Structures are given as structure tokens and as C-alpha cells.
Amino acid sequence: MSARLTPARGGGIETGPVTGDARGRLRRSSAPLSADSRITEYPGRIFVVAGSCCVVLGGLVAAVTEPLELVKGSWLAAYLVLVCGAAQYAFGTVQLRLAGPSIPPARAWAQLTCWNLGNAAVIWGTLTGVPVIVDAGGALLVIGLGIALLASRPAGPRLAGRVYRCVLVVLLLSVPIGLALAHLRHTA
């Protein structure tokens, strides 16, 4: 469920929840948002903004990697863009746009927290060469992905939901691969 701002009678702005019909088309209801739906929307919006910022930050890291001779700069840029940025943007977009039962507020906040703390730990552990920190971050990422998978019951457009769940599974399978590579890199 997502709020859309539309001109209201009398010149103000009216908000109402966006709901989906059987074909996955989104419609704005004239009913005001409940406090519960506003709380649920905040993590989705934060995911979108944080994801966008991570993509920009990844681009900046890529731009300065060679001039500053950053040893892990290309890895960091790719990680920021793909994992921190694109995945996080997708989480937020799905939470805000796809029709169907919304994720409970506590789970949405838990997913947001696990995803961001997990990514911070993976980056910190990789840059400092401490694989145990990378492992802790990986565990948090798995929890965040698990929350996303449980919340992604078939809803909204069927193809979009399937693609989203496939992306989640690919990310979930990439976590143990990344953890193994972190350990191999630091044992050599």
C-alpha cells in the first residue's frame, strides 16, 4: 500500500492508500492513510532513498578508485551499487508499489535494520580484513532476505512478483559464496 498525493477539492493535497485490483492495477482510494500504514511505508521510503544514495556513492567510489589507488575500490563500488543500492531500492519499491498484503511494521523495520547493519558489517570486515565481521554481516543479510522472502507472497502482477522472488533467492545464495570468498582471501 502506498500513498499518492493528489490535488484535493479546495486546493489542498489529499493522500489515500493505493490498492491493487485482481489484475494488479493500482488505484488510489479516497480513504485517508491509517497510522499503521504510514508506519509501514516509512521503511519502504527509507529503502528507496538509501538505495539511491548507495548507487551514487558507489559511482563516486568508482570514480576515485584509480586516482587514489584504492586496493579494494572496485569491489567496494560494485558492492555499494549492486547489493547496498539496487537491492535496497528494489526492497523499497516492492514495499511501496506492489499490491497485496503489506509487510507488518515490525518486520519492515527489522528488514531495514538487518539489511543496513549487515551491509555495513560486510564492508567494514572486508576493508579491515576481519572475516568474522563479514560473517556477522552475512548473517544479518540472510535475516533481512528471509524477511523479504516471507513477505513476498504472490501479490500484485504475477511476473513482477516472480522476478522479485528470483532476485531474492539469487541474493540469498550469493551470501555464503561471498562469505567463503572473504575467508579464502584472508587465509592466503
Protein backbone atom coordinates (compact mmCIF):
# COMPACT_ATOMS: atom_id res chain seq x y z
CA MET A 1 0.00 0.00 0.00
CA SER A 2 1.38 3.37 -0.96
CA ALA A 3 0.22 6.93 -0.55
CA ARG A 4 -0.20 9.14 -3.56
CA LEU A 5 -0.51 12.89 -3.32
CA THR A 6 -3.31 14.30 -5.46
CA PRO A 7 -4.94 17.71 -5.66
CA ALA A 8 -7.91 17.80 -3.33
CA ARG A 9 -11.09 19.79 -3.57
CA GLY A 10 -10.43 23.17 -2.05
CA GLY A 11 -6.83 23.41 -3.30
CA GLY A 12 -5.08 21.22 -0.68
CA ILE A 13 -3.34 17.90 -1.14
CA GLU A 14 -5.17 14.68 -0.41
CA THR A 15 -3.48 11.38 0.42
CA GLY A 16 -5.02 7.99 0.15
CA PRO A 17 -3.79 4.42 0.09
CA VAL A 18 -3.10 2.80 -3.23
CA THR A 19 -4.68 -0.63 -3.56
CA GLY A 20 -4.47 -3.25 -6.26
CA ASP A 21 -7.24 -4.98 -8.13
CA ALA A 22 -7.27 -8.59 -9.38
CA ARG A 23 -5.17 -7.65 -12.44
CA GLY A 24 -2.50 -5.88 -10.39
CA ARG A 25 -3.54 -2.36 -11.44
CA LEU A 26 -3.02 0.23 -8.75
CA ARG A 27 -5.83 2.56 -7.67
CA ARG A 28 -5.92 5.37 -5.15
CA SER A 29 -8.58 5.15 -2.52
CA SER A 30 -10.11 8.32 -1.11
CA ALA A 31 -9.80 6.91 2.41
CA PRO A 32 -7.04 8.53 4.47
CA LEU A 33 -3.99 6.50 5.43
CA SER A 34 -4.15 4.83 8.80
CA ALA A 35 -1.35 5.36 11.31
CA ASP A 36 -0.37 1.72 10.79
CA SER A 37 0.01 2.09 7.01
CA ARG A 38 2.05 5.29 7.43
CA ILE A 39 4.42 3.47 9.81
CA THR A 40 4.71 0.60 7.32
CA GLU A 41 5.51 2.99 4.46
CA TYR A 42 8.46 4.66 6.18
CA PRO A 43 10.83 1.67 5.84
CA GLY A 44 9.93 1.38 2.15
CA ARG A 45 10.70 5.03 1.57
CA ILE A 46 13.95 4.77 3.53
CA PHE A 47 14.93 1.72 1.45
CA VAL A 48 14.38 3.70 -1.76
CA VAL A 49 16.30 6.78 -0.59
CA ALA A 50 19.15 4.78 0.98
CA GLY A 51 19.38 2.56 -2.10
CA SER A 52 19.60 5.59 -4.37
CA CYS A 53 22.29 7.14 -2.17
CA CYS A 54 24.31 3.90 -2.21
CA VAL A 55 24.22 3.80 -6.02
CA VAL A 56 25.52 7.38 -6.18
CA LEU A 57 28.15 6.64 -3.50
CA GLY A 58 29.25 3.55 -5.44
CA GLY A 59 29.68 5.68 -8.54
CA LEU A 60 31.79 8.17 -6.62
CA VAL A 61 33.96 5.37 -5.20
CA ALA A 62 34.42 4.02 -8.73
CA ALA A 63 35.48 7.47 -9.93
CA VAL A 64 38.20 7.86 -7.29
CA THR A 65 39.43 4.26 -7.14
CA GLU A 66 42.28 4.64 -9.64
CA PRO A 67 43.41 8.19 -8.77
CA LEU A 68 43.55 7.31 -5.07
CA GLU A 69 44.90 3.79 -5.75
CA LEU A 70 42.23 2.16 -3.60
CA VAL A 71 43.09 -1.53 -3.42
CA LYS A 72 39.50 -2.69 -2.83
CA GLY A 73 37.87 0.28 -4.52
CA SER A 74 36.38 -1.62 -7.44
CA TRP A 75 34.93 -4.27 -5.09
CA LEU A 76 33.51 -1.54 -2.83
CA ALA A 77 31.98 0.35 -5.76
CA ALA A 78 30.32 -2.78 -7.14
CA TYR A 79 29.08 -3.83 -3.69
CA LEU A 80 27.65 -0.37 -2.98
CA VAL A 81 25.85 -0.21 -6.32
CA LEU A 82 24.55 -3.77 -6.61
CA VAL A 83 23.99 -5.05 -3.08
CA CYS A 84 23.56 -1.93 -0.97
CA GLY A 85 21.94 0.19 -3.66
CA ALA A 86 20.00 -1.75 -6.27
CA ALA A 87 18.75 -4.45 -3.89
CA GLN A 88 17.71 -1.90 -1.28
CA TYR A 89 15.92 0.19 -3.90
CA ALA A 90 14.07 -2.93 -5.04
CA PHE A 91 13.01 -3.74 -1.47
CA GLY A 92 11.58 -0.27 -1.04
CA THR A 93 9.88 -0.21 -4.41
CA VAL A 94 8.20 -3.54 -3.74
CA GLN A 95 7.06 -2.41 -0.30
CA LEU A 96 5.62 0.81 -1.71
CA ARG A 97 4.21 -0.30 -5.05
CA LEU A 98 3.16 -3.93 -5.28
CA ALA A 99 -0.41 -4.60 -4.30
CA GLY A 100 -1.30 -7.24 -1.75
CA PRO A 101 -0.93 -7.66 1.98
CA SER A 102 1.62 -5.27 3.33
CA ILE A 103 4.55 -6.34 5.45
CA PRO A 104 3.86 -5.83 9.18
CA PRO A 105 5.62 -2.71 10.50
CA ALA A 106 7.88 -4.61 12.92
CA ARG A 107 9.11 -6.87 10.11
CA ALA A 108 9.64 -3.94 7.74
CA TRP A 109 11.77 -2.14 10.33
CA ALA A 110 13.64 -5.39 11.16
CA GLN A 111 14.39 -5.93 7.46
CA LEU A 112 15.63 -2.36 7.07
CA THR A 113 17.83 -2.65 10.16
CA CYS A 114 19.26 -6.08 9.30
CA TRP A 115 19.97 -5.10 5.69
CA ASN A 116 21.78 -1.87 6.50
CA LEU A 117 23.72 -3.15 9.53
CA GLY A 118 24.61 -6.30 7.60
CA ASN A 119 25.95 -4.33 4.65
CA ALA A 120 27.91 -2.02 6.94
CA ALA A 121 29.46 -5.04 8.68
CA VAL A 122 30.36 -6.73 5.38
CA ILE A 123 32.04 -3.55 4.12
CA TRP A 124 33.83 -2.91 7.40
CA GLY A 125 35.00 -6.51 7.75
CA THR A 126 36.22 -6.64 4.16
CA LEU A 127 38.10 -3.35 4.29
CA THR A 128 39.73 -4.18 7.65
CA GLY A 129 40.46 -7.81 6.72
CA VAL A 130 38.41 -9.35 9.57
CA PRO A 131 36.30 -12.20 8.13
CA VAL A 132 34.39 -12.72 11.39
CA ILE A 133 32.81 -9.27 10.96
CA VAL A 134 31.94 -10.21 7.37
CA ASP A 135 30.28 -13.38 8.75
CA ALA A 136 28.19 -11.37 11.21
CA GLY A 137 27.14 -9.05 8.41
CA GLY A 138 26.28 -12.01 6.21
CA ALA A 139 24.05 -13.44 8.94
CA LEU A 140 22.18 -10.14 9.17
CA LEU A 141 21.78 -10.07 5.38
CA VAL A 142 20.30 -13.58 5.43
CA ILE A 143 17.79 -12.49 8.08
CA GLY A 144 16.84 -9.42 6.01
CA LEU A 145 16.45 -11.53 2.87
CA GLY A 146 14.39 -14.09 4.80
CA ILE A 147 12.01 -11.36 5.93
CA ALA A 148 11.72 -10.14 2.33
CA LEU A 149 11.03 -13.66 1.02
CA LEU A 150 8.36 -14.32 3.64
CA ALA A 151 6.71 -11.01 2.84
CA SER A 152 6.80 -11.59 -0.92
CA ARG A 153 3.84 -13.94 -1.10
CA PRO A 154 2.32 -13.88 -4.55
CA ALA A 155 0.77 -10.44 -4.80
CA GLY A 156 0.35 -7.83 -7.46
CA PRO A 157 1.48 -8.51 -11.00
CA ARG A 158 2.46 -12.16 -11.15
CA LEU A 159 5.53 -11.76 -13.36
CA ALA A 160 6.93 -8.89 -11.28
CA GLY A 161 6.44 -10.89 -8.08
CA ARG A 162 8.18 -13.93 -9.54
CA VAL A 163 11.11 -11.87 -10.80
CA TYR A 164 11.43 -10.20 -7.40
CA ARG A 165 11.43 -13.56 -5.58
CA CYS A 166 14.05 -14.92 -8.02
CA VAL A 167 16.27 -11.91 -7.29
CA LEU A 168 15.86 -12.55 -3.56
CA VAL A 169 16.87 -16.20 -3.99
CA VAL A 170 19.94 -15.22 -6.06
CA LEU A 171 20.96 -12.74 -3.34
CA LEU A 172 20.36 -15.36 -0.65
CA LEU A 173 22.53 -17.90 -2.49
CA SER A 174 25.27 -15.31 -3.04
CA VAL A 175 25.73 -14.67 0.70
CA PRO A 176 27.51 -17.96 1.53
CA ILE A 177 29.60 -17.62 -1.64
CA GLY A 178 30.69 -14.14 -0.57
CA LEU A 179 31.47 -15.36 2.94
CA ALA A 180 33.60 -18.21 1.58
CA LEU A 181 35.48 -15.78 -0.68
CA ALA A 182 36.11 -13.43 2.27
CA HIS A 183 37.68 -16.29 4.23
CA LEU A 184 39.74 -17.53 1.25
CA ARG A 185 41.00 -14.01 0.54
CA HIS A 186 42.27 -13.58 4.11
CA THR A 187 43.82 -17.02 4.57
CA ALA A 188 46.08 -16.72 1.51
